[in-house]
């Protein structure tokens, strides 16, 4: 079983002797409950950071490493703040570029605009607090955080690589951009946040797509069907 068609193709490239018909794509699933309940958790999370209701919040959740596109996000920050000066960026995660991120925040005087949360346990609350999630990865396995954001009805801006376009529908649940394109990253963020209708529609589209394709139940049902097909549907 492979967690995406992209992973399947990578597997076949590395092991061309494998029979592609014997590799079943089973998308990973997330328990949607925490992302659908307690809508006020996001508001409380914002308040704990001193963020007003009026400030658009852009977030990254994951390893603070180069593969996740952290340098490109940093390059996009002044471009976004130029158009949306009251925007707030939140980074949640740990990694070898954490010190670099902190130094960039200090060097550019972004203390009131960019917050590095470090490791964060309250992911559902964080996702509810965001307006847009970013994942400009250079390469990606399966973007769990994309599904989590979509379940929380948040649009995403991500790179058009690996399994990401299997999760995100371009211009429907978010916007897909090329790798290493900070200007396009910034433009996409501004485009979504400048139109309440786009923000709401992409968020709702993402939620419905995640509920239909990427829940824990759908993953387990698919795994069970694979096992049953192998055993001749014996129970």
Protein backbone atom coordinates (compact mmCIF):
# COMPACT_ATOMS: atom_id res chain seq x y z
CA UNK A 1 0.00 0.00 0.00
CA UNK A 2 1.22 3.51 -0.88
CA UNK A 3 -0.06 6.72 0.71
CA UNK A 4 -0.42 8.55 -2.63
CA UNK A 5 -0.06 8.07 -6.37
CA UNK A 6 3.10 10.14 -6.15
CA UNK A 7 4.58 7.72 -3.62
CA UNK A 8 3.51 4.81 -5.80
CA UNK A 9 5.31 6.26 -8.82
CA UNK A 10 8.44 6.90 -6.74
CA UNK A 11 8.32 3.31 -5.51
CA UNK A 12 7.99 1.97 -9.05
CA UNK A 13 10.86 4.15 -10.23
CA UNK A 14 13.12 2.81 -7.49
CA UNK A 15 11.90 -0.78 -7.89
CA UNK A 16 10.73 -1.17 -11.52
CA UNK A 17 10.43 -4.93 -11.06
CA UNK A 18 7.33 -4.40 -8.91
CA UNK A 19 3.90 -5.06 -10.45
CA UNK A 20 2.07 -1.72 -10.35
CA UNK A 21 -1.27 -3.55 -10.16
CA UNK A 22 -0.25 -4.95 -6.78
CA UNK A 23 0.34 -1.50 -5.28
CA UNK A 24 -2.84 -0.02 -3.85
CA UNK A 25 -3.03 3.69 -3.11
CA UNK A 26 -4.57 4.26 0.32
CA UNK A 27 -4.65 7.89 1.38
CA UNK A 28 -3.84 8.62 4.98
CA UNK A 29 -6.73 9.73 7.16
CA UNK A 30 -7.31 12.18 10.00
CA UNK A 31 -9.94 12.03 12.73
CA UNK A 32 -12.16 14.98 11.76
CA UNK A 33 -13.80 15.37 15.17
CA UNK A 34 -11.34 17.83 16.80
CA UNK A 35 -11.43 20.06 13.72
CA UNK A 36 -15.22 20.21 13.51
CA UNK A 37 -15.99 20.78 17.20
CA UNK A 38 -15.61 23.78 19.53
CA UNK A 39 -15.44 26.56 16.96
CA UNK A 40 -14.44 29.09 19.64
CA UNK A 41 -11.10 27.32 20.24
CA UNK A 42 -9.55 29.28 17.39
CA UNK A 43 -10.70 32.57 18.84
CA UNK A 44 -9.28 31.69 22.25
CA UNK A 45 -5.98 30.65 20.63
CA UNK A 46 -5.79 34.01 18.88
CA UNK A 47 -6.58 35.85 22.09
CA UNK A 48 -3.82 33.98 23.93
CA UNK A 49 -1.36 35.46 21.42
CA UNK A 50 -2.88 38.93 21.50
CA UNK A 51 -4.16 38.69 17.93
CA UNK A 52 -7.29 40.69 17.13
CA UNK A 53 -10.25 39.35 15.18
CA UNK A 54 -9.45 41.78 12.36
CA UNK A 55 -5.92 40.52 11.74
CA UNK A 56 -5.56 37.88 9.00
CA UNK A 57 -3.51 34.97 10.32
CA UNK A 58 -1.21 32.95 8.06
CA UNK A 59 0.33 29.80 9.44
CA UNK A 60 2.92 27.12 8.87
CA UNK A 61 2.79 23.85 10.81
CA UNK A 62 5.60 21.32 10.46
CA UNK A 63 9.35 20.92 10.64
CA UNK A 64 11.27 24.19 10.45
CA UNK A 65 13.60 22.91 7.75
CA UNK A 66 14.59 23.85 4.21
CA UNK A 67 12.63 20.98 2.61
CA UNK A 68 9.40 22.53 3.91
CA UNK A 69 10.14 25.81 2.13
CA UNK A 70 10.85 27.87 5.25
CA UNK A 71 13.28 30.25 3.44
CA UNK A 72 10.63 30.92 0.80
CA UNK A 73 8.02 31.74 3.45
CA UNK A 74 10.46 34.14 5.10
CA UNK A 75 11.07 35.85 1.74
CA UNK A 76 7.32 36.19 1.22
CA UNK A 77 6.63 37.86 4.59
CA UNK A 78 7.61 41.46 3.65
CA UNK A 79 5.74 41.10 0.36
CA UNK A 80 2.56 40.17 2.22
CA UNK A 81 3.00 42.81 4.94
CA UNK A 82 3.37 45.45 2.24
CA UNK A 83 -0.20 44.68 1.10
CA UNK A 84 -1.64 43.50 4.42
CA UNK A 85 0.25 45.34 7.18
CA UNK A 86 -1.93 43.92 9.97
CA UNK A 87 -1.33 40.29 8.93
CA UNK A 88 0.18 37.87 11.44
CA UNK A 89 2.39 34.89 10.61
CA UNK A 90 2.52 31.91 12.96
CA UNK A 91 5.14 29.14 12.74
CA UNK A 92 4.56 25.94 14.72
CA UNK A 93 7.23 23.27 14.79
CA UNK A 94 10.87 22.53 15.43
CA UNK A 95 13.89 22.09 13.19
CA UNK A 96 17.39 23.16 12.26
CA UNK A 97 16.19 26.47 10.75
CA UNK A 98 14.44 27.59 13.95
CA UNK A 99 17.36 29.80 15.01
CA UNK A 100 17.54 31.28 11.51
CA UNK A 101 13.80 32.05 11.65
CA UNK A 102 14.17 33.72 15.03
CA UNK A 103 17.12 35.79 13.81
CA UNK A 104 15.16 36.94 10.75
CA UNK A 105 12.25 38.00 12.94
CA UNK A 106 14.59 40.08 15.11
CA UNK A 107 16.68 41.46 12.23
CA UNK A 108 13.63 42.67 10.31
CA UNK A 109 11.71 43.97 13.32
CA UNK A 110 8.85 41.52 12.77
CA UNK A 111 8.19 40.85 16.46
CA UNK A 112 4.64 42.19 16.15
CA UNK A 113 3.96 40.39 12.87
CA UNK A 114 5.68 36.99 13.10
CA UNK A 115 5.57 34.51 15.97
CA UNK A 116 7.56 31.31 16.27
CA UNK A 117 5.50 29.08 18.56
CA UNK A 118 7.94 26.19 18.56
CA UNK A 119 6.44 22.78 19.26
CA UNK A 120 2.65 23.06 19.53
CA UNK A 121 0.33 20.43 20.98
CA UNK A 122 -2.92 22.28 20.23
CA UNK A 123 -3.00 21.69 16.48
CA UNK A 124 -6.83 21.70 16.08
CA UNK A 125 -7.05 25.01 17.96
CA UNK A 126 -4.18 26.43 15.91
CA UNK A 127 -5.81 25.39 12.63
CA UNK A 128 -9.06 27.04 13.73
CA UNK A 129 -7.12 30.22 14.54
CA UNK A 130 -5.61 30.47 11.06
CA UNK A 131 -7.09 32.02 7.95
CA UNK A 132 -4.63 30.40 5.53
CA UNK A 133 -2.15 27.53 5.88
CA UNK A 134 1.14 27.42 3.96
CA UNK A 135 3.09 24.36 2.81
CA UNK A 136 5.59 25.42 0.11
CA UNK A 137 7.56 22.17 0.31
CA UNK A 138 10.31 21.24 -2.12
CA UNK A 139 9.19 17.61 -1.83
CA UNK A 140 6.52 16.05 0.37
CA UNK A 141 5.42 12.59 1.45
CA UNK A 142 1.81 13.05 2.48
CA UNK A 143 0.81 16.49 3.74
CA UNK A 144 -1.16 15.68 6.89
CA UNK A 145 -1.31 19.38 7.79
CA UNK A 146 -3.11 20.13 4.53
CA UNK A 147 -5.90 17.75 5.50
CA UNK A 148 -6.03 19.17 9.04
CA UNK A 149 -6.35 22.71 7.70
CA UNK A 150 -9.00 21.66 5.20
CA UNK A 151 -11.02 19.92 7.92
CA UNK A 152 -10.93 23.22 9.80
CA UNK A 153 -12.26 24.89 6.62
CA UNK A 154 -9.07 26.81 5.93
CA UNK A 155 -7.69 27.45 2.42
CA UNK A 156 -4.11 26.42 1.75
CA UNK A 157 -1.28 27.71 -0.39
CA UNK A 158 1.14 24.93 -1.27
CA UNK A 159 3.58 23.84 -3.93
CA UNK A 160 2.52 21.74 -6.89
CA UNK A 161 4.83 18.83 -6.04
CA UNK A 162 4.69 15.21 -4.87
CA UNK A 163 1.33 14.22 -3.36
CA UNK A 164 0.18 17.78 -2.67
CA UNK A 165 -1.95 18.18 -5.84
CA UNK A 166 -3.71 14.92 -4.91
CA UNK A 167 -4.87 16.61 -1.71
CA UNK A 168 -5.34 20.23 -2.77
CA UNK A 169 -7.53 21.18 -5.73
CA UNK A 170 -5.98 24.25 -7.31
CA UNK A 171 -8.23 27.33 -7.11
CA UNK A 172 -10.92 25.27 -5.37
CA UNK A 173 -9.54 24.34 -1.96
CA UNK A 174 -6.44 26.50 -2.18
CA UNK A 175 -3.76 27.66 -4.58
CA UNK A 176 -0.85 25.62 -5.92
CA UNK A 177 2.40 27.38 -6.82
CA UNK A 178 5.82 26.38 -8.18
CA UNK A 179 8.71 25.52 -5.86
CA UNK A 180 10.89 28.44 -4.73
CA UNK A 181 8.40 31.12 -5.76
CA UNK A 182 8.08 33.53 -2.80
CA UNK A 183 6.44 36.24 -4.92
CA UNK A 184 3.72 33.85 -6.08
CA UNK A 185 3.40 32.58 -2.54
CA UNK A 186 2.80 36.13 -1.32
CA UNK A 187 0.44 36.97 -4.20
CA UNK A 188 -1.63 33.85 -3.49
CA UNK A 189 -1.90 34.67 0.21
CA UNK A 190 -3.02 38.21 -0.57
CA UNK A 191 -5.47 37.01 -3.22
CA UNK A 192 -7.24 34.70 -0.78
CA UNK A 193 -7.24 37.13 2.15
CA UNK A 194 -8.43 40.07 0.04
CA UNK A 195 -11.70 38.39 -0.95
CA UNK A 196 -13.99 37.09 1.81
CA UNK A 197 -15.98 35.06 -0.73
CA UNK A 198 -12.87 33.28 -2.00
CA UNK A 199 -11.70 32.67 1.57
CA UNK A 200 -15.03 31.16 2.60
CA UNK A 201 -15.61 29.12 -0.56
CA UNK A 202 -12.11 27.61 -0.62
CA UNK A 203 -12.41 26.78 3.06
CA UNK A 204 -15.76 25.05 2.67
CA UNK A 205 -14.63 23.22 -0.49
CA UNK A 206 -11.56 21.98 1.36
CA UNK A 207 -13.62 20.79 4.31
CA UNK A 208 -15.97 18.77 2.10
CA UNK A 209 -13.06 17.29 0.12
CA UNK A 210 -11.26 16.25 3.30
CA UNK A 211 -14.41 14.71 4.78
CA UNK A 212 -14.98 12.74 1.59
CA UNK A 213 -11.43 11.54 0.96
CA UNK A 214 -9.12 11.87 3.93
CA UNK A 215 -10.81 10.78 7.14
CA UNK A 216 -9.56 8.06 9.45
CA UNK A 217 -12.68 6.01 8.68
CA UNK A 218 -12.19 6.19 4.92
CA UNK A 219 -8.56 5.09 5.34
CA UNK A 220 -9.48 2.13 7.56
CA UNK A 221 -12.35 1.11 5.26
CA UNK A 222 -9.96 1.14 2.30
CA UNK A 223 -7.33 -0.89 4.16
CA UNK A 224 -9.99 -3.42 5.15
CA UNK A 225 -11.16 -3.71 1.54
CA UNK A 226 -7.57 -4.41 0.45
CA UNK A 227 -7.23 -7.20 3.04
CA UNK A 228 -10.59 -8.67 2.08
CA UNK A 229 -9.68 -8.68 -1.61
CA UNK A 230 -6.51 -10.62 -0.80
CA UNK A 231 -8.25 -13.16 1.43
CA UNK A 232 -11.14 -13.71 -0.96
CA UNK A 233 -13.64 -11.70 1.08
CA UNK A 234 -13.52 -14.21 3.92
CA UNK A 235 -14.54 -12.84 7.32
